[in-house]
Amino acid sequence: MRVAIPVFPGVEELDAIAPLEVFGTARNAGLDVTVELVTHAPGGSVRCFHGLELTGLHGISGNFDLILNPAEE
């Protein structure tokens, strides 16, 4: 399963990182899961709500089995 978590400026850190950790745990348990934090441009960076900066992000490309969109408040 290929999972994308789109991130954007001001995203709440926990809304993006928690699902990344959950799917990473599933992968470590032996499930075939690939998780990517993605943004509109490959190699881009995003500053989250509390100041965490995510860098080296994948662009949204290809086919995903699941797109998990963090809430925008």
PDB file of N, CA and C in Angstrom:
ATOM      1  N   MET A   1       0.849  -1.170   0.000  1.00  0.00           N
ATOM      2  CA  MET A   1       0.000   0.000   0.000  1.00  0.00           C
ATOM      3  C   MET A   1       0.896   1.234   0.000  1.00  0.00           C
ATOM      4  N   ARG A   2       0.584   2.174  -0.848  1.00  0.00           N
ATOM      5  CA  ARG A   2       1.317   3.437  -0.929  1.00  0.00           C
ATOM      6  C   ARG A   2       0.426   4.536  -0.371  1.00  0.00           C
ATOM      7  N   VAL A   3       0.915   5.226   0.667  1.00  0.00           N
ATOM      8  CA  VAL A   3       0.139   6.244   1.371  1.00  0.00           C
ATOM      9  C   VAL A   3       0.815   7.603   1.222  1.00  0.00           C
ATOM     10  N   ALA A   4       0.023   8.632   0.906  1.00  0.00           N
ATOM     11  CA  ALA A   4       0.525  10.000   0.834  1.00  0.00           C
ATOM     12  C   ALA A   4      -0.119  10.823   1.942  1.00  0.00           C
ATOM     13  N   ILE A   5       0.692  11.651   2.581  1.00  0.00           N
ATOM     14  CA  ILE A   5       0.182  12.613   3.562  1.00  0.00           C
ATOM     15  C   ILE A   5       0.594  13.994   3.057  1.00  0.00           C
ATOM     16  N   PRO A   6      -0.342  14.734   2.434  1.00  0.00           N
ATOM     17  CA  PRO A   6      -0.015  16.069   1.941  1.00  0.00           C
ATOM     18  C   PRO A   6       0.217  17.029   3.111  1.00  0.00           C
ATOM     19  N   VAL A   7       1.270  17.825   3.014  1.00  0.00           N
ATOM     20  CA  VAL A   7       1.536  18.837   4.020  1.00  0.00           C
ATOM     21  C   VAL A   7       1.569  20.207   3.349  1.00  0.00           C
ATOM     22  N   PHE A   8       1.281  21.231   4.106  1.00  0.00           N
ATOM     23  CA  PHE A   8       1.143  22.586   3.578  1.00  0.00           C
ATOM     24  C   PHE A   8       1.590  23.550   4.668  1.00  0.00           C
ATOM     25  N   PRO A   9       1.935  24.788   4.307  1.00  0.00           N
ATOM     26  CA  PRO A   9       2.361  25.747   5.324  1.00  0.00           C
ATOM     27  C   PRO A   9       1.286  25.895   6.415  1.00  0.00           C
ATOM     28  N   GLY A  10       1.721  25.795   7.655  1.00  0.00           N
ATOM     29  CA  GLY A  10       0.810  25.937   8.777  1.00  0.00           C
ATOM     30  C   GLY A  10       0.130  24.657   9.215  1.00  0.00           C
ATOM     31  N   VAL A  11       0.471  23.511   8.592  1.00  0.00           N
ATOM     32  CA  VAL A  11      -0.134  22.251   8.999  1.00  0.00           C
ATOM     33  C   VAL A  11       0.245  21.980  10.459  1.00  0.00           C
ATOM     34  N   GLU A  12      -0.678  21.455  11.215  1.00  0.00           N
ATOM     35  CA  GLU A  12      -0.409  21.063  12.600  1.00  0.00           C
ATOM     36  C   GLU A  12       0.531  19.859  12.566  1.00  0.00           C
ATOM     37  N   GLU A  13       1.649  19.958  13.252  1.00  0.00           N
ATOM     38  CA  GLU A  13       2.661  18.903  13.218  1.00  0.00           C
ATOM     39  C   GLU A  13       2.070  17.530  13.529  1.00  0.00           C
ATOM     40  N   LEU A  14       1.291  17.442  14.572  1.00  0.00           N
ATOM     41  CA  LEU A  14       0.750  16.151  15.000  1.00  0.00           C
ATOM     42  C   LEU A  14      -0.164  15.537  13.939  1.00  0.00           C
ATOM     43  N   ASP A  15      -0.878  16.370  13.175  1.00  0.00           N
ATOM     44  CA  ASP A  15      -1.785  15.852  12.145  1.00  0.00           C
ATOM     45  C   ASP A  15      -1.033  15.167  11.007  1.00  0.00           C
ATOM     46  N   ALA A  16       0.227  15.536  10.801  1.00  0.00           N
ATOM     47  CA  ALA A  16       1.019  14.914   9.742  1.00  0.00           C
ATOM     48  C   ALA A  16       1.932  13.816  10.281  1.00  0.00           C
ATOM     49  N   ILE A  17       2.546  14.060  11.420  1.00  0.00           N
ATOM     50  CA  ILE A  17       3.551  13.132  11.934  1.00  0.00           C
ATOM     51  C   ILE A  17       2.934  11.896  12.577  1.00  0.00           C
ATOM     52  N   ALA A  18       1.804  12.048  13.271  1.00  0.00           N
ATOM     53  CA  ALA A  18       1.177  10.889  13.933  1.00  0.00           C
ATOM     54  C   ALA A  18       0.793   9.794  12.932  1.00  0.00           C
ATOM     55  N   PRO A  19       0.112  10.129  11.817  1.00  0.00           N
ATOM     56  CA  PRO A  19      -0.189   9.066  10.837  1.00  0.00           C
ATOM     57  C   PRO A  19       1.077   8.461  10.229  1.00  0.00           C
ATOM     58  N   LEU A  20       2.106   9.293  10.038  1.00  0.00           N
ATOM     59  CA  LEU A  20       3.380   8.785   9.527  1.00  0.00           C
ATOM     60  C   LEU A  20       3.931   7.727  10.478  1.00  0.00           C
ATOM     61  N   GLU A  21       3.850   7.981  11.772  1.00  0.00           N
ATOM     62  CA  GLU A  21       4.338   7.023  12.761  1.00  0.00           C
ATOM     63  C   GLU A  21       3.489   5.752  12.791  1.00  0.00           C
ATOM     64  N   VAL A  22       2.176   5.902  12.702  1.00  0.00           N
ATOM     65  CA  VAL A  22       1.289   4.734  12.723  1.00  0.00           C
ATOM     66  C   VAL A  22       1.577   3.813  11.541  1.00  0.00           C
ATOM     67  N   PHE A  23       1.656   4.378  10.342  1.00  0.00           N
ATOM     68  CA  PHE A  23       1.932   3.547   9.172  1.00  0.00           C
ATOM     69  C   PHE A  23       3.356   2.998   9.199  1.00  0.00           C
ATOM     70  N   GLY A  24       4.296   3.746   9.776  1.00  0.00           N
ATOM     71  CA  GLY A  24       5.656   3.240   9.933  1.00  0.00           C
ATOM     72  C   GLY A  24       5.696   2.042  10.867  1.00  0.00           C
ATOM     73  N   THR A  25       4.901   2.083  11.920  1.00  0.00           N
ATOM     74  CA  THR A  25       4.807   0.949  12.843  1.00  0.00           C
ATOM     75  C   THR A  25       4.220  -0.266  12.132  1.00  0.00           C
ATOM     76  N   ALA A  26       3.221  -0.037  11.287  1.00  0.00           N
ATOM     77  CA  ALA A  26       2.632  -1.143  10.518  1.00  0.00           C
ATOM     78  C   ALA A  26       3.675  -1.754   9.584  1.00  0.00           C
ATOM     79  N   ARG A  27       4.485  -0.908   8.960  1.00  0.00           N
ATOM     80  CA  ARG A  27       5.546  -1.406   8.079  1.00  0.00           C
ATOM     81  C   ARG A  27       6.549  -2.242   8.880  1.00  0.00           C
ATOM     82  N   ASN A  28       6.922  -1.756  10.064  1.00  0.00           N
ATOM     83  CA  ASN A  28       7.872  -2.485  10.907  1.00  0.00           C
ATOM     84  C   ASN A  28       7.299  -3.811  11.390  1.00  0.00           C
ATOM     85  N   ALA A  29       5.964  -3.920  11.412  1.00  0.00           N
ATOM     86  CA  ALA A  29       5.309  -5.170  11.810  1.00  0.00           C
ATOM     87  C   ALA A  29       5.179  -6.144  10.642  1.00  0.00           C
ATOM     88  N   GLY A  30       5.685  -5.731   9.469  1.00  0.00           N
ATOM     89  CA  GLY A  30       5.692  -6.646   8.340  1.00  0.00           C
ATOM     90  C   GLY A  30       4.689  -6.352   7.246  1.00  0.00           C
ATOM     91  N   LEU A  31       3.884  -5.316   7.397  1.00  0.00           N
ATOM     92  CA  LEU A  31       2.925  -4.974   6.341  1.00  0.00           C
ATOM     93  C   LEU A  31       3.625  -4.224   5.223  1.00  0.00           C
ATOM     94  N   ASP A  32       3.130  -4.388   4.020  1.00  0.00           N
ATOM     95  CA  ASP A  32       3.710  -3.735   2.848  1.00  0.00           C
ATOM     96  C   ASP A  32       3.124  -2.332   2.724  1.00  0.00           C
ATOM     97  N   VAL A  33       3.725  -1.379   3.440  1.00  0.00           N
ATOM     98  CA  VAL A  33       3.232  -0.001   3.478  1.00  0.00           C
ATOM     99  C   VAL A  33       4.397   0.946   3.197  1.00  0.00           C
ATOM    100  N   THR A  34       4.176   1.876   2.283  1.00  0.00           N
ATOM    101  CA  THR A  34       5.116   2.957   2.023  1.00  0.00           C
ATOM    102  C   THR A  34       4.389   4.259   2.287  1.00  0.00           C
ATOM    103  N   VAL A  35       4.969   5.126   3.100  1.00  0.00           N
ATOM    104  CA  VAL A  35       4.329   6.394   3.477  1.00  0.00           C
ATOM    105  C   VAL A  35       5.222   7.538   3.033  1.00  0.00           C
ATOM    106  N   GLU A  36       4.605   8.563   2.419  1.00  0.00           N
ATOM    107  CA  GLU A  36       5.354   9.731   1.972  1.00  0.00           C
ATOM    108  C   GLU A  36       4.651  10.998   2.427  1.00  0.00           C
ATOM    109  N   LEU A  37       5.418  11.925   3.012  1.00  0.00           N
ATOM    110  CA  LEU A  37       4.922  13.278   3.206  1.00  0.00           C
ATOM    111  C   LEU A  37       5.130  13.976   1.870  1.00  0.00           C
ATOM    112  N   VAL A  38       4.085  14.556   1.322  1.00  0.00           N
ATOM    113  CA  VAL A  38       4.164  15.158  -0.014  1.00  0.00           C
ATOM    114  C   VAL A  38       3.708  16.608   0.023  1.00  0.00           C
ATOM    115  N   THR A  39       4.176  17.362  -0.944  1.00  0.00           N
ATOM    116  CA  THR A  39       3.774  18.749  -1.118  1.00  0.00           C
ATOM    117  C   THR A  39       3.676  19.028  -2.609  1.00  0.00           C
ATOM    118  N   HIS A  40       3.318  20.252  -2.965  1.00  0.00           N
ATOM    119  CA  HIS A  40       3.065  20.570  -4.368  1.00  0.00           C
ATOM    120  C   HIS A  40       4.307  20.502  -5.252  1.00  0.00           C
ATOM    121  N   ALA A  41       5.500  20.656  -4.685  1.00  0.00           N
ATOM    122  CA  ALA A  41       6.719  20.641  -5.503  1.00  0.00           C
ATOM    123  C   ALA A  41       7.753  19.688  -4.913  1.00  0.00           C
ATOM    124  N   PRO A  42       8.358  18.817  -5.725  1.00  0.00           N
ATOM    125  CA  PRO A  42       9.378  17.910  -5.215  1.00  0.00           C
ATOM    126  C   PRO A  42      10.539  18.688  -4.597  1.00  0.00           C
ATOM    127  N   GLY A  43      11.062  18.178  -3.497  1.00  0.00           N
ATOM    128  CA  GLY A  43      12.203  18.817  -2.843  1.00  0.00           C
ATOM    129  C   GLY A  43      11.833  20.051  -2.048  1.00  0.00           C
ATOM    130  N   GLY A  44      10.550  20.348  -1.985  1.00  0.00           N
ATOM    131  CA  GLY A  44      10.095  21.541  -1.282  1.00  0.00           C
ATOM    132  C   GLY A  44      10.188  21.399   0.225  1.00  0.00           C
ATOM    133  N   SER A  45       9.915  22.507   0.902  1.00  0.00           N
ATOM    134  CA  SER A  45       9.887  22.486   2.359  1.00  0.00           C
ATOM    135  C   SER A  45       8.622  23.185   2.839  1.00  0.00           C
ATOM    136  N   VAL A  46       8.211  22.843   4.055  1.00  0.00           N
ATOM    137  CA  VAL A  46       6.992  23.393   4.640  1.00  0.00           C
ATOM    138  C   VAL A  46       7.276  23.709   6.105  1.00  0.00           C
ATOM    139  N   ARG A  47       6.891  24.904   6.546  1.00  0.00           N
ATOM    140  CA  ARG A  47       6.978  25.260   7.959  1.00  0.00           C
ATOM    141  C   ARG A  47       5.617  24.986   8.582  1.00  0.00           C
ATOM    142  N   CYS A  48       5.616  24.153   9.610  1.00  0.00           N
ATOM    143  CA  CYS A  48       4.383  23.745  10.283  1.00  0.00           C
ATOM    144  C   CYS A  48       3.925  24.809  11.291  1.00  0.00           C
ATOM    145  N   PHE A  49       2.763  24.596  11.862  1.00  0.00           N
ATOM    146  CA  PHE A  49       2.116  25.555  12.760  1.00  0.00           C
ATOM    147  C   PHE A  49       2.998  25.970  13.934  1.00  0.00           C
ATOM    148  N   HIS A  50       3.661  25.013  14.556  1.00  0.00           N
ATOM    149  CA  HIS A  50       4.480  25.302  15.744  1.00  0.00           C
ATOM    150  C   HIS A  50       5.950  25.524  15.404  1.00  0.00           C
ATOM    151  N   GLY A  51       6.277  25.656  14.128  1.00  0.00           N
ATOM    152  CA  GLY A  51       7.626  26.014  13.718  1.00  0.00           C
ATOM    153  C   GLY A  51       8.492  24.901  13.168  1.00  0.00           C
ATOM    154  N   LEU A  52       8.052  23.653  13.271  1.00  0.00           N
ATOM    155  CA  LEU A  52       8.824  22.559  12.696  1.00  0.00           C
ATOM    156  C   LEU A  52       8.896  22.749  11.183  1.00  0.00           C
ATOM    157  N   GLU A  53      10.092  22.620  10.613  1.00  0.00           N
ATOM    158  CA  GLU A  53      10.221  22.732   9.168  1.00  0.00           C
ATOM    159  C   GLU A  53      10.500  21.355   8.583  1.00  0.00           C
ATOM    160  N   LEU A  54       9.660  20.948   7.660  1.00  0.00           N
ATOM    161  CA  LEU A  54       9.814  19.682   6.945  1.00  0.00           C
ATOM    162  C   LEU A  54      10.490  19.995   5.620  1.00  0.00           C
ATOM    163  N   THR A  55      11.593  19.329   5.337  1.00  0.00           N
ATOM    164  CA  THR A  55      12.348  19.616   4.115  1.00  0.00           C
ATOM    165  C   THR A  55      12.533  18.344   3.290  1.00  0.00           C
ATOM    166  N   GLY A  56      12.927  18.535   2.042  1.00  0.00           N
ATOM    167  CA  GLY A  56      13.184  17.401   1.165  1.00  0.00           C
ATOM    168  C   GLY A  56      11.949  16.569   0.884  1.00  0.00           C
ATOM    169  N   LEU A  57      10.805  17.221   0.813  1.00  0.00           N
ATOM    170  CA  LEU A  57       9.533  16.520   0.631  1.00  0.00           C
ATOM    171  C   LEU A  57       9.372  16.019  -0.801  1.00  0.00           C
ATOM    172  N   HIS A  58       8.628  14.948  -0.938  1.00  0.00           N
ATOM    173  CA  HIS A  58       8.275  14.422  -2.258  1.00  0.00           C
ATOM    174  C   HIS A  58       7.175  15.297  -2.850  1.00  0.00           C
ATOM    175  N   GLY A  59       7.160  15.403  -4.169  1.00  0.00           N
ATOM    176  CA  GLY A  59       6.030  16.031  -4.841  1.00  0.00           C
ATOM    177  C   GLY A  59       4.897  15.027  -4.949  1.00  0.00           C
ATOM    178  N   ILE A  60       3.708  15.530  -5.164  1.00  0.00           N
ATOM    179  CA  ILE A  60       2.561  14.632  -5.333  1.00  0.00           C
ATOM    180  C   ILE A  60       2.611  14.109  -6.763  1.00  0.00           C
ATOM    181  N   SER A  61       3.008  12.853  -6.912  1.00  0.00           N
ATOM    182  CA  SER A  61       3.068  12.258  -8.237  1.00  0.00           C
ATOM    183  C   SER A  61       2.861  10.758  -8.123  1.00  0.00           C
ATOM    184  N   GLY A  62       2.403  10.187  -9.187  1.00  0.00           N
ATOM    185  CA  GLY A  62       2.170   8.756  -9.198  1.00  0.00           C
ATOM    186  C   GLY A  62       0.827   8.390  -8.589  1.00  0.00           C
ATOM    187  N   ASN A  63       0.655   7.121  -8.377  1.00  0.00           N
ATOM    188  CA  ASN A  63      -0.609   6.615  -7.831  1.00  0.00           C
ATOM    189  C   ASN A  63      -0.438   6.266  -6.364  1.00  0.00           C
ATOM    190  N   PHE A  64      -1.423   6.650  -5.565  1.00  0.00           N
ATOM    191  CA  PHE A  64      -1.443   6.305  -4.152  1.00  0.00           C
ATOM    192  C   PHE A  64      -2.685   5.475  -3.879  1.00  0.00           C
ATOM    193  N   ASP A  65      -2.562   4.549  -2.950  1.00  0.00           N
ATOM    194  CA  ASP A  65      -3.718   3.766  -2.525  1.00  0.00           C
ATOM    195  C   ASP A  65      -4.560   4.538  -1.524  1.00  0.00           C
ATOM    196  N   LEU A  66      -3.896   5.439  -0.788  1.00  0.00           N
ATOM    197  CA  LEU A  66      -4.582   6.226   0.234  1.00  0.00           C
ATOM    198  C   LEU A  66      -3.924   7.587   0.325  1.00  0.00           C
ATOM    199  N   ILE A  67      -4.741   8.639   0.312  1.00  0.00           N
ATOM    200  CA  ILE A  67      -4.256   9.999   0.559  1.00  0.00           C
ATOM    201  C   ILE A  67      -4.919  10.453   1.849  1.00  0.00           C
ATOM    202  N   LEU A  68      -4.109  10.660   2.869  1.00  0.00           N
ATOM    203  CA  LEU A  68      -4.598  11.039   4.183  1.00  0.00           C
ATOM    204  C   LEU A  68      -4.354  12.531   4.359  1.00  0.00           C
ATOM    205  N   ASN A  69      -5.397  13.330   4.258  1.00  0.00           N
ATOM    206  CA  ASN A  69      -5.275  14.770   4.273  1.00  0.00           C
ATOM    207  C   ASN A  69      -5.415  15.322   5.686  1.00  0.00           C
ATOM    208  N   PRO A  70      -4.351  15.961   6.236  1.00  0.00           N
ATOM    209  CA  PRO A  70      -4.460  16.564   7.549  1.00  0.00           C
ATOM    210  C   PRO A  70      -5.498  17.695   7.547  1.00  0.00           C
ATOM    211  N   ALA A  71      -6.131  17.893   8.683  1.00  0.00           N
ATOM    212  CA  ALA A  71      -7.146  18.946   8.796  1.00  0.00           C
ATOM    213  C   ALA A  71      -6.525  20.315   8.616  1.00  0.00           C
ATOM    214  N   GLU A  72      -7.252  21.203   7.975  1.00  0.00           N
ATOM    215  CA  GLU A  72      -6.836  22.589   7.853  1.00  0.00           C
ATOM    216  C   GLU A  72      -7.794  23.409   8.681  1.00  0.00           C
ATOM    217  N   GLU A  73      -7.239  24.135   9.654  1.00  0.00           N
ATOM    218  CA  GLU A  73      -8.112  24.878  10.553  1.00  0.00           C
ATOM    219  C   GLU A  73      -8.165  26.330  10.200  1.00  0.00           C
TER     220      GLU A  73
END
